[in-house]
Amino acid sequence: MSTNNCVVLIVKYLNGHSETFELPHLAGDPLSSGQIGKLMEKRMEQNYLALELGDHVKVIPMHTVQCMEIRPVPSKLPDTVIRNARKLEKDISEENNTLDIL
């Protein structure tokens, strides 16, 4: 199955490894259906992520996860997500002890 027709979940672990999963069951109209946003919100509340992978289920303890990425970005996201953020090329956190937001 092509990842162009699927939602892709990238799990990055604290040990430096990462795994990429296709979520074809969300492929109907994933960006407008809100399914991905609901999935994200539930995962943030759970202690584990469980994925059915054909002949087995993989259970990933969330305390081993550094971060997760979901691509493409869904149009509906949980209220806890800050939209339209940009990652800066240069990390300025080391230059100043505080970051002036206002």
PDB file of N, CA and C in Angstrom:
ATOM      1  N   MET A   1       0.847  -1.192   0.000  1.00  0.00           N
ATOM      2  CA  MET A   1       0.000   0.000   0.000  1.00  0.00           C
ATOM      3  C   MET A   1       0.881   1.240   0.000  1.00  0.00           C
ATOM      4  N   SER A   2       0.559   2.189  -0.791  1.00  0.00           N
ATOM      5  CA  SER A   2       1.339   3.415  -0.911  1.00  0.00           C
ATOM      6  C   SER A   2       1.045   4.352   0.250  1.00  0.00           C
ATOM      7  N   THR A   3       2.097   4.992   0.787  1.00  0.00           N
ATOM      8  CA  THR A   3       1.899   5.940   1.878  1.00  0.00           C
ATOM      9  C   THR A   3       1.195   7.204   1.405  1.00  0.00           C
ATOM     10  N   ASN A   4       1.090   7.418   0.077  1.00  0.00           N
ATOM     11  CA  ASN A   4       0.375   8.587  -0.432  1.00  0.00           C
ATOM     12  C   ASN A   4      -1.108   8.502  -0.120  1.00  0.00           C
ATOM     13  N   ASN A   5      -1.639   7.292   0.015  1.00  0.00           N
ATOM     14  CA  ASN A   5      -3.054   7.103   0.280  1.00  0.00           C
ATOM     15  C   ASN A   5      -3.329   6.838   1.751  1.00  0.00           C
ATOM     16  N   CYS A   6      -2.325   6.949   2.597  1.00  0.00           N
ATOM     17  CA  CYS A   6      -2.454   6.593   4.002  1.00  0.00           C
ATOM     18  C   CYS A   6      -2.007   7.727   4.906  1.00  0.00           C
ATOM     19  N   VAL A   7      -2.452   7.615   6.134  1.00  0.00           N
ATOM     20  CA  VAL A   7      -1.914   8.447   7.189  1.00  0.00           C
ATOM     21  C   VAL A   7      -0.673   7.731   7.699  1.00  0.00           C
ATOM     22  N   VAL A   8       0.394   8.467   7.946  1.00  0.00           N
ATOM     23  CA  VAL A   8       1.649   7.891   8.419  1.00  0.00           C
ATOM     24  C   VAL A   8       1.886   8.346   9.857  1.00  0.00           C
ATOM     25  N   LEU A   9       2.218   7.384  10.712  1.00  0.00           N
ATOM     26  CA  LEU A   9       2.549   7.649  12.105  1.00  0.00           C
ATOM     27  C   LEU A   9       4.022   7.320  12.306  1.00  0.00           C
ATOM     28  N   ILE A  10       4.791   8.297  12.766  1.00  0.00           N
ATOM     29  CA  ILE A  10       6.209   8.093  13.066  1.00  0.00           C
ATOM     30  C   ILE A  10       6.369   8.173  14.577  1.00  0.00           C
ATOM     31  N   VAL A  11       6.894   7.103  15.167  1.00  0.00           N
ATOM     32  CA  VAL A  11       7.128   7.054  16.607  1.00  0.00           C
ATOM     33  C   VAL A  11       8.634   7.127  16.828  1.00  0.00           C
ATOM     34  N   LYS A  12       9.075   8.139  17.561  1.00  0.00           N
ATOM     35  CA  LYS A  12      10.498   8.295  17.892  1.00  0.00           C
ATOM     36  C   LYS A  12      10.666   7.967  19.371  1.00  0.00           C
ATOM     37  N   TYR A  13      11.610   7.068  19.645  1.00  0.00           N
ATOM     38  CA  TYR A  13      11.809   6.572  21.000  1.00  0.00           C
ATOM     39  C   TYR A  13      12.940   7.309  21.710  1.00  0.00           C
ATOM     40  N   LEU A  14      12.936   7.242  23.032  1.00  0.00           N
ATOM     41  CA  LEU A  14      13.972   7.878  23.836  1.00  0.00           C
ATOM     42  C   LEU A  14      15.359   7.305  23.562  1.00  0.00           C
ATOM     43  N   ASN A  15      15.427   6.057  23.109  1.00  0.00           N
ATOM     44  CA  ASN A  15      16.722   5.424  22.843  1.00  0.00           C
ATOM     45  C   ASN A  15      17.298   5.798  21.477  1.00  0.00           C
ATOM     46  N   GLY A  16      16.616   6.681  20.735  1.00  0.00           N
ATOM     47  CA  GLY A  16      17.113   7.141  19.446  1.00  0.00           C
ATOM     48  C   GLY A  16      16.543   6.411  18.244  1.00  0.00           C
ATOM     49  N   HIS A  17      15.910   5.276  18.450  1.00  0.00           N
ATOM     50  CA  HIS A  17      15.300   4.540  17.347  1.00  0.00           C
ATOM     51  C   HIS A  17      13.958   5.164  16.974  1.00  0.00           C
ATOM     52  N   SER A  18      13.482   4.827  15.795  1.00  0.00           N
ATOM     53  CA  SER A  18      12.148   5.273  15.382  1.00  0.00           C
ATOM     54  C   SER A  18      11.505   4.189  14.532  1.00  0.00           C
ATOM     55  N   GLU A  19      10.193   4.225  14.467  1.00  0.00           N
ATOM     56  CA  GLU A  19       9.422   3.305  13.633  1.00  0.00           C
ATOM     57  C   GLU A  19       8.354   4.105  12.913  1.00  0.00           C
ATOM     58  N   THR A  20       8.047   3.694  11.689  1.00  0.00           N
ATOM     59  CA  THR A  20       7.028   4.350  10.883  1.00  0.00           C
ATOM     60  C   THR A  20       5.930   3.346  10.577  1.00  0.00           C
ATOM     61  N   PHE A  21       4.688   3.774  10.749  1.00  0.00           N
ATOM     62  CA  PHE A  21       3.533   2.912  10.531  1.00  0.00           C
ATOM     63  C   PHE A  21       2.564   3.584   9.569  1.00  0.00           C
ATOM     64  N   GLU A  22       1.928   2.796   8.710  1.00  0.00           N
ATOM     65  CA  GLU A  22       0.829   3.276   7.869  1.00  0.00           C
ATOM     66  C   GLU A  22      -0.471   3.003   8.601  1.00  0.00           C
ATOM     67  N   LEU A  23      -1.388   3.935   8.504  1.00  0.00           N
ATOM     68  CA  LEU A  23      -2.701   3.779   9.121  1.00  0.00           C
ATOM     69  C   LEU A  23      -3.765   3.818   8.030  1.00  0.00           C
ATOM     70  N   PRO A  24      -3.865   2.758   7.228  1.00  0.00           N
ATOM     71  CA  PRO A  24      -4.780   2.781   6.085  1.00  0.00           C
ATOM     72  C   PRO A  24      -6.248   2.841   6.480  1.00  0.00           C
ATOM     73  N   HIS A  25      -6.595   2.409   7.689  1.00  0.00           N
ATOM     74  CA  HIS A  25      -7.994   2.451   8.110  1.00  0.00           C
ATOM     75  C   HIS A  25      -8.497   3.877   8.282  1.00  0.00           C
ATOM     76  N   LEU A  26      -7.602   4.840   8.324  1.00  0.00           N
ATOM     77  CA  LEU A  26      -7.986   6.250   8.405  1.00  0.00           C
ATOM     78  C   LEU A  26      -7.957   6.930   7.046  1.00  0.00           C
ATOM     79  N   ALA A  27      -7.737   6.146   5.979  1.00  0.00           N
ATOM     80  CA  ALA A  27      -7.491   6.736   4.667  1.00  0.00           C
ATOM     81  C   ALA A  27      -8.740   7.220   3.952  1.00  0.00           C
ATOM     82  N   GLY A  28      -9.940   6.910   4.427  1.00  0.00           N
ATOM     83  CA  GLY A  28     -11.159   7.331   3.739  1.00  0.00           C
ATOM     84  C   GLY A  28     -11.130   8.806   3.421  1.00  0.00           C
ATOM     85  N   ASP A  29     -11.236   9.640   4.404  1.00  0.00           N
ATOM     86  CA  ASP A  29     -11.049  11.082   4.275  1.00  0.00           C
ATOM     87  C   ASP A  29     -10.469  11.558   5.595  1.00  0.00           C
ATOM     88  N   PRO A  30      -9.231  11.160   5.885  1.00  0.00           N
ATOM     89  CA  PRO A  30      -8.682  11.372   7.216  1.00  0.00           C
ATOM     90  C   PRO A  30      -8.488  12.820   7.608  1.00  0.00           C
ATOM     91  N   LEU A  31      -8.269  13.685   6.636  1.00  0.00           N
ATOM     92  CA  LEU A  31      -7.947  15.060   6.985  1.00  0.00           C
ATOM     93  C   LEU A  31      -9.158  15.868   7.419  1.00  0.00           C
ATOM     94  N   SER A  32     -10.337  15.475   6.986  1.00  0.00           N
ATOM     95  CA  SER A  32     -11.512  16.254   7.357  1.00  0.00           C
ATOM     96  C   SER A  32     -12.425  15.528   8.326  1.00  0.00           C
ATOM     97  N   SER A  33     -12.193  14.254   8.550  1.00  0.00           N
ATOM     98  CA  SER A  33     -13.116  13.475   9.368  1.00  0.00           C
ATOM     99  C   SER A  33     -12.936  13.689  10.856  1.00  0.00           C
ATOM    100  N   GLY A  34     -11.798  14.173  11.275  1.00  0.00           N
ATOM    101  CA  GLY A  34     -11.550  14.352  12.696  1.00  0.00           C
ATOM    102  C   GLY A  34     -11.067  13.096  13.388  1.00  0.00           C
ATOM    103  N   GLN A  35     -10.963  11.980  12.653  1.00  0.00           N
ATOM    104  CA  GLN A  35     -10.511  10.732  13.263  1.00  0.00           C
ATOM    105  C   GLN A  35      -9.102  10.861  13.821  1.00  0.00           C
ATOM    106  N   ILE A  36      -8.220  11.527  13.097  1.00  0.00           N
ATOM    107  CA  ILE A  36      -6.829  11.628  13.526  1.00  0.00           C
ATOM    108  C   ILE A  36      -6.726  12.482  14.780  1.00  0.00           C
ATOM    109  N   GLY A  37      -7.461  13.563  14.825  1.00  0.00           N
ATOM    110  CA  GLY A  37      -7.457  14.412  16.012  1.00  0.00           C
ATOM    111  C   GLY A  37      -7.917  13.657  17.241  1.00  0.00           C
ATOM    112  N   LYS A  38      -8.961  12.856  17.082  1.00  0.00           N
ATOM    113  CA  LYS A  38      -9.448  12.039  18.194  1.00  0.00           C
ATOM    114  C   LYS A  38      -8.407  11.008  18.595  1.00  0.00           C
ATOM    115  N   LEU A  39      -7.750  10.411  17.607  1.00  0.00           N
ATOM    116  CA  LEU A  39      -6.696   9.430  17.874  1.00  0.00           C
ATOM    117  C   LEU A  39      -5.557  10.071  18.663  1.00  0.00           C
ATOM    118  N   MET A  40      -5.129  11.252  18.240  1.00  0.00           N
ATOM    119  CA  MET A  40      -4.047  11.953  18.931  1.00  0.00           C
ATOM    120  C   MET A  40      -4.423  12.250  20.376  1.00  0.00           C
ATOM    121  N   GLU A  41      -5.629  12.754  20.568  1.00  0.00           N
ATOM    122  CA  GLU A  41      -6.065  13.128  21.908  1.00  0.00           C
ATOM    123  C   GLU A  41      -6.112  11.910  22.829  1.00  0.00           C
ATOM    124  N   LYS A  42      -6.633  10.801  22.332  1.00  0.00           N
ATOM    125  CA  LYS A  42      -6.688   9.576  23.138  1.00  0.00           C
ATOM    126  C   LYS A  42      -5.293   9.076  23.482  1.00  0.00           C
ATOM    127  N   ARG A  43      -4.373   9.136  22.517  1.00  0.00           N
ATOM    128  CA  ARG A  43      -3.013   8.641  22.759  1.00  0.00           C
ATOM    129  C   ARG A  43      -2.310   9.483  23.813  1.00  0.00           C
ATOM    130  N   MET A  44      -2.572  10.779  23.840  1.00  0.00           N
ATOM    131  CA  MET A  44      -1.932  11.644  24.825  1.00  0.00           C
ATOM    132  C   MET A  44      -2.429  11.340  26.231  1.00  0.00           C
ATOM    133  N   GLU A  45      -3.608  10.747  26.343  1.00  0.00           N
ATOM    134  CA  GLU A  45      -4.191  10.430  27.644  1.00  0.00           C
ATOM    135  C   GLU A  45      -3.833   9.028  28.126  1.00  0.00           C
ATOM    136  N   GLN A  46      -3.337   8.164  27.253  1.00  0.00           N
ATOM    137  CA  GLN A  46      -3.069   6.765  27.590  1.00  0.00           C
ATOM    138  C   GLN A  46      -1.616   6.544  27.995  1.00  0.00           C
ATOM    139  N   ASN A  47      -1.378   5.421  28.661  1.00  0.00           N
ATOM    140  CA  ASN A  47      -0.024   5.028  29.051  1.00  0.00           C
ATOM    141  C   ASN A  47       0.655   4.184  27.989  1.00  0.00           C
ATOM    142  N   TYR A  48      -0.065   3.848  26.939  1.00  0.00           N
ATOM    143  CA  TYR A  48       0.480   2.978  25.900  1.00  0.00           C
ATOM    144  C   TYR A  48      -0.176   3.287  24.560  1.00  0.00           C
ATOM    145  N   LEU A  49       0.490   2.856  23.493  1.00  0.00           N
ATOM    146  CA  LEU A  49      -0.041   2.919  22.137  1.00  0.00           C
ATOM    147  C   LEU A  49      -0.088   1.486  21.638  1.00  0.00           C
ATOM    148  N   ALA A  50      -1.240   1.003  21.223  1.00  0.00           N
ATOM    149  CA  ALA A  50      -1.375  -0.369  20.723  1.00  0.00           C
ATOM    150  C   ALA A  50      -1.737  -0.322  19.243  1.00  0.00           C
ATOM    151  N   LEU A  51      -0.984  -1.070  18.430  1.00  0.00           N
ATOM    152  CA  LEU A  51      -1.190  -1.105  16.985  1.00  0.00           C
ATOM    153  C   LEU A  51      -1.368  -2.544  16.531  1.00  0.00           C
ATOM    154  N   GLU A  52      -2.431  -2.807  15.788  1.00  0.00           N
ATOM    155  CA  GLU A  52      -2.601  -4.118  15.169  1.00  0.00           C
ATOM    156  C   GLU A  52      -1.743  -4.136  13.910  1.00  0.00           C
ATOM    157  N   LEU A  53      -0.817  -5.082  13.842  1.00  0.00           N
ATOM    158  CA  LEU A  53       0.111  -5.183  12.714  1.00  0.00           C
ATOM    159  C   LEU A  53      -0.056  -6.540  12.043  1.00  0.00           C
ATOM    160  N   GLY A  54      -1.187  -6.730  11.389  1.00  0.00           N
ATOM    161  CA  GLY A  54      -1.433  -7.989  10.691  1.00  0.00           C
ATOM    162  C   GLY A  54      -1.662  -9.134  11.646  1.00  0.00           C
ATOM    163  N   ASP A  55      -0.616  -9.939  11.880  1.00  0.00           N
ATOM    164  CA  ASP A  55      -0.773 -11.138  12.692  1.00  0.00           C
ATOM    165  C   ASP A  55      -0.432 -10.935  14.167  1.00  0.00           C
ATOM    166  N   HIS A  56      -0.146  -9.702  14.586  1.00  0.00           N
ATOM    167  CA  HIS A  56       0.148  -9.450  15.997  1.00  0.00           C
ATOM    168  C   HIS A  56      -0.203  -8.010  16.371  1.00  0.00           C
ATOM    169  N   VAL A  57      -0.239  -7.768  17.673  1.00  0.00           N
ATOM    170  CA  VAL A  57      -0.493  -6.429  18.195  1.00  0.00           C
ATOM    171  C   VAL A  57       0.779  -5.950  18.881  1.00  0.00           C
ATOM    172  N   LYS A  58       1.211  -4.752  18.534  1.00  0.00           N
ATOM    173  CA  LYS A  58       2.395  -4.154  19.161  1.00  0.00           C
ATOM    174  C   LYS A  58       1.908  -3.141  20.190  1.00  0.00           C
ATOM    175  N   VAL A  59       2.369  -3.294  21.430  1.00  0.00           N
ATOM    176  CA  VAL A  59       2.022  -2.365  22.501  1.00  0.00           C
ATOM    177  C   VAL A  59       3.284  -1.583  22.855  1.00  0.00           C
ATOM    178  N   ILE A  60       3.202  -0.272  22.713  1.00  0.00           N
ATOM    179  CA  ILE A  60       4.348   0.606  22.962  1.00  0.00           C
ATOM    180  C   ILE A  60       4.056   1.425  24.216  1.00  0.00           C
ATOM    181  N   PRO A  61       4.825   1.228  25.286  1.00  0.00           N
ATOM    182  CA  PRO A  61       4.637   2.055  26.481  1.00  0.00           C
ATOM    183  C   PRO A  61       4.978   3.517  26.166  1.00  0.00           C
ATOM    184  N   MET A  62       4.092   4.428  26.509  1.00  0.00           N
ATOM    185  CA  MET A  62       4.310   5.838  26.178  1.00  0.00           C
ATOM    186  C   MET A  62       5.517   6.429  26.900  1.00  0.00           C
ATOM    187  N   HIS A  63       5.936   5.849  28.030  1.00  0.00           N
ATOM    188  CA  HIS A  63       7.106   6.391  28.730  1.00  0.00           C
ATOM    189  C   HIS A  63       8.402   6.126  27.958  1.00  0.00           C
ATOM    190  N   THR A  64       8.345   5.308  26.897  1.00  0.00           N
ATOM    191  CA  THR A  64       9.521   5.061  26.058  1.00  0.00           C
ATOM    192  C   THR A  64       9.536   5.948  24.812  1.00  0.00           C
ATOM    193  N   VAL A  65       8.485   6.741  24.626  1.00  0.00           N
ATOM    194  CA  VAL A  65       8.319   7.549  23.410  1.00  0.00           C
ATOM    195  C   VAL A  65       8.793   8.979  23.658  1.00  0.00           C
ATOM    196  N   GLN A  66       9.678   9.451  22.780  1.00  0.00           N
ATOM    197  CA  GLN A  66      10.128  10.843  22.837  1.00  0.00           C
ATOM    198  C   GLN A  66       9.087  11.743  22.179  1.00  0.00           C
ATOM    199  N   CYS A  67       8.638  11.353  20.977  1.00  0.00           N
ATOM    200  CA  CYS A  67       7.612  12.121  20.284  1.00  0.00           C
ATOM    201  C   CYS A  67       6.976  11.269  19.196  1.00  0.00           C
ATOM    202  N   MET A  68       5.824  11.723  18.720  1.00  0.00           N
ATOM    203  CA  MET A  68       5.127  11.071  17.612  1.00  0.00           C
ATOM    204  C   MET A  68       4.782  12.133  16.586  1.00  0.00           C
ATOM    205  N   GLU A  69       4.862  11.755  15.314  1.00  0.00           N
ATOM    206  CA  GLU A  69       4.459  12.644  14.222  1.00  0.00           C
ATOM    207  C   GLU A  69       3.377  11.948  13.420  1.00  0.00           C
ATOM    208  N   ILE A  70       2.387  12.709  13.008  1.00  0.00           N
ATOM    209  CA  ILE A  70       1.326  12.197  12.144  1.00  0.00           C
ATOM    210  C   ILE A  70       1.341  13.036  10.881  1.00  0.00           C
ATOM    211  N   ARG A  71       1.402  12.353   9.731  1.00  0.00           N
ATOM    212  CA  ARG A  71       1.432  13.034   8.433  1.00  0.00           C
ATOM    213  C   ARG A  71       0.399  12.426   7.515  1.00  0.00           C
ATOM    214  N   PRO A  72      -0.264  13.192   6.729  1.00  0.00           N
ATOM    215  CA  PRO A  72      -0.277  14.657   6.673  1.00  0.00           C
ATOM    216  C   PRO A  72      -1.017  15.240   7.870  1.00  0.00           C
ATOM    217  N   VAL A  73      -0.873  16.532   8.059  1.00  0.00           N
ATOM    218  CA  VAL A  73      -1.528  17.214   9.170  1.00  0.00           C
ATOM    219  C   VAL A  73      -3.034  17.219   8.933  1.00  0.00           C
ATOM    220  N   PRO A  74      -3.812  16.742   9.894  1.00  0.00           N
ATOM    221  CA  PRO A  74      -5.265  16.753   9.730  1.00  0.00           C
ATOM    222  C   PRO A  74      -5.827  18.165   9.877  1.00  0.00           C
ATOM    223  N   SER A  75      -6.977  18.401   9.269  1.00  0.00           N
ATOM    224  CA  SER A  75      -7.607  19.718   9.379  1.00  0.00           C
ATOM    225  C   SER A  75      -8.240  19.914  10.747  1.00  0.00           C
ATOM    226  N   LYS A  76      -8.678  18.830  11.378  1.00  0.00           N
ATOM    227  CA  LYS A  76      -9.261  18.907  12.717  1.00  0.00           C
ATOM    228  C   LYS A  76      -8.270  18.324  13.707  1.00  0.00           C
ATOM    229  N   LEU A  77      -7.892  19.147  14.689  1.00  0.00           N
ATOM    230  CA  LEU A  77      -6.939  18.734  15.715  1.00  0.00           C
ATOM    231  C   LEU A  77      -7.533  19.007  17.090  1.00  0.00           C
ATOM    232  N   PRO A  78      -7.033  18.328  18.122  1.00  0.00           N
ATOM    233  CA  PRO A  78      -7.505  18.628  19.477  1.00  0.00           C
ATOM    234  C   PRO A  78      -7.230  20.083  19.835  1.00  0.00           C
ATOM    235  N   ASP A  79      -8.000  20.629  20.765  1.00  0.00           N
ATOM    236  CA  ASP A  79      -7.825  22.019  21.191  1.00  0.00           C
ATOM    237  C   ASP A  79      -6.459  22.270  21.812  1.00  0.00           C
ATOM    238  N   THR A  80      -5.795  21.216  22.262  1.00  0.00           N
ATOM    239  CA  THR A  80      -4.490  21.367  22.908  1.00  0.00           C
ATOM    240  C   THR A  80      -3.356  21.601  21.915  1.00  0.00           C
ATOM    241  N   VAL A  81      -3.621  21.468  20.615  1.00  0.00           N
ATOM    242  CA  VAL A  81      -2.590  21.638  19.588  1.00  0.00           C
ATOM    243  C   VAL A  81      -2.534  23.101  19.148  1.00  0.00           C
ATOM    244  N   ILE A  82      -1.344  23.672  19.169  1.00  0.00           N
ATOM    245  CA  ILE A  82      -1.140  25.038  18.671  1.00  0.00           C
ATOM    246  C   ILE A  82      -0.920  24.940  17.169  1.00  0.00           C
ATOM    247  N   ARG A  83      -1.812  25.554  16.409  1.00  0.00           N
ATOM    248  CA  ARG A  83      -1.764  25.457  14.949  1.00  0.00           C
ATOM    249  C   ARG A  83      -0.792  26.467  14.352  1.00  0.00           C
ATOM    250  N   ASN A  84      -0.321  26.144  13.148  1.00  0.00           N
ATOM    251  CA  ASN A  84       0.525  27.023  12.330  1.00  0.00           C
ATOM    252  C   ASN A  84       1.831  27.438  13.005  1.00  0.00           C
ATOM    253  N   ALA A  85       2.385  26.577  13.858  1.00  0.00           N
ATOM    254  CA  ALA A  85       3.686  26.855  14.474  1.00  0.00           C
ATOM    255  C   ALA A  85       4.783  26.632  13.435  1.00  0.00           C
ATOM    256  N   ARG A  86       5.908  27.279  13.633  1.00  0.00           N
ATOM    257  CA  ARG A  86       7.064  27.093  12.748  1.00  0.00           C
ATOM    258  C   ARG A  86       8.273  26.755  13.603  1.00  0.00           C
ATOM    259  N   LYS A  87       9.062  25.788  13.161  1.00  0.00           N
ATOM    260  CA  LYS A  87      10.305  25.442  13.846  1.00  0.00           C
ATOM    261  C   LYS A  87      11.396  26.363  13.325  1.00  0.00           C
ATOM    262  N   LEU A  88      12.121  26.986  14.236  1.00  0.00           N
ATOM    263  CA  LEU A  88      13.206  27.873  13.847  1.00  0.00           C
ATOM    264  C   LEU A  88      14.439  27.057  13.504  1.00  0.00           C
ATOM    265  N   GLU A  89      15.186  27.513  12.516  1.00  0.00           N
ATOM    266  CA  GLU A  89      16.409  26.823  12.110  1.00  0.00           C
ATOM    267  C   GLU A  89      17.462  26.884  13.207  1.00  0.00           C
ATOM    268  N   LYS A  90      17.563  28.032  13.870  1.00  0.00           N
ATOM    269  CA  LYS A  90      18.571  28.223  14.902  1.00  0.00           C
ATOM    270  C   LYS A  90      17.908  28.124  16.268  1.00  0.00           C
ATOM    271  N   ASP A  91      18.489  27.321  17.162  1.00  0.00           N
ATOM    272  CA  ASP A  91      17.959  27.185  18.516  1.00  0.00           C
ATOM    273  C   ASP A  91      18.438  28.371  19.338  1.00  0.00           C
ATOM    274  N   ILE A  92      17.520  29.246  19.717  1.00  0.00           N
ATOM    275  CA  ILE A  92      17.896  30.445  20.462  1.00  0.00           C
ATOM    276  C   ILE A  92      17.783  30.247  21.967  1.00  0.00           C
ATOM    277  N   SER A  93      17.359  29.078  22.425  1.00  0.00           N
ATOM    278  CA  SER A  93      17.178  28.851  23.856  1.00  0.00           C
ATOM    279  C   SER A  93      18.497  28.924  24.617  1.00  0.00           C
ATOM    280  N   GLU A  94      19.614  28.614  23.985  1.00  0.00           N
ATOM    281  CA  GLU A  94      20.921  28.665  24.644  1.00  0.00           C
ATOM    282  C   GLU A  94      21.452  30.101  24.706  1.00  0.00           C
ATOM    283  N   GLU A  95      21.013  30.960  23.814  1.00  0.00           N
ATOM    284  CA  GLU A  95      21.514  32.334  23.762  1.00  0.00           C
ATOM    285  C   GLU A  95      20.951  33.186  24.891  1.00  0.00           C
ATOM    286  N   ASN A  96      19.693  32.972  25.219  1.00  0.00           N
ATOM    287  CA  ASN A  96      19.027  33.738  26.270  1.00  0.00           C
ATOM    288  C   ASN A  96      18.479  32.758  27.294  1.00  0.00           C
ATOM    289  N   ASN A  97      18.524  33.153  28.548  1.00  0.00           N
ATOM    290  CA  ASN A  97      17.934  32.300  29.577  1.00  0.00           C
ATOM    291  C   ASN A  97      16.420  32.327  29.516  1.00  0.00           C
ATOM    292  N   THR A  98      15.872  33.403  28.978  1.00  0.00           N
ATOM    293  CA  THR A  98      14.426  33.503  28.833  1.00  0.00           C
ATOM    294  C   THR A  98      14.110  33.877  27.400  1.00  0.00           C
ATOM    295  N   LEU A  99      12.936  33.520  26.985  1.00  0.00           N
ATOM    296  CA  LEU A  99      12.468  33.851  25.645  1.00  0.00           C
ATOM    297  C   LEU A  99      11.330  34.842  25.795  1.00  0.00           C
ATOM    298  N   ASP A 100      11.518  36.043  25.278  1.00  0.00           N
ATOM    299  CA  ASP A 100      10.481  37.065  25.363  1.00  0.00           C
ATOM    300  C   ASP A 100       9.386  36.753  24.365  1.00  0.00           C
ATOM    301  N   ILE A 101       8.212  36.458  24.872  1.00  0.00           N
ATOM    302  CA  ILE A 101       7.080  36.132  24.009  1.00  0.00           C
ATOM    303  C   ILE A 101       6.254  37.373  23.720  1.00  0.00           C
ATOM    304  N   LEU A 102       6.173  38.260  24.666  1.00  0.00           N
ATOM    305  CA  LEU A 102       5.346  39.454  24.485  1.00  0.00           C
ATOM    306  C   LEU A 102       6.165  40.605  23.969  1.00  0.00           C
TER     307      LEU A 102
END
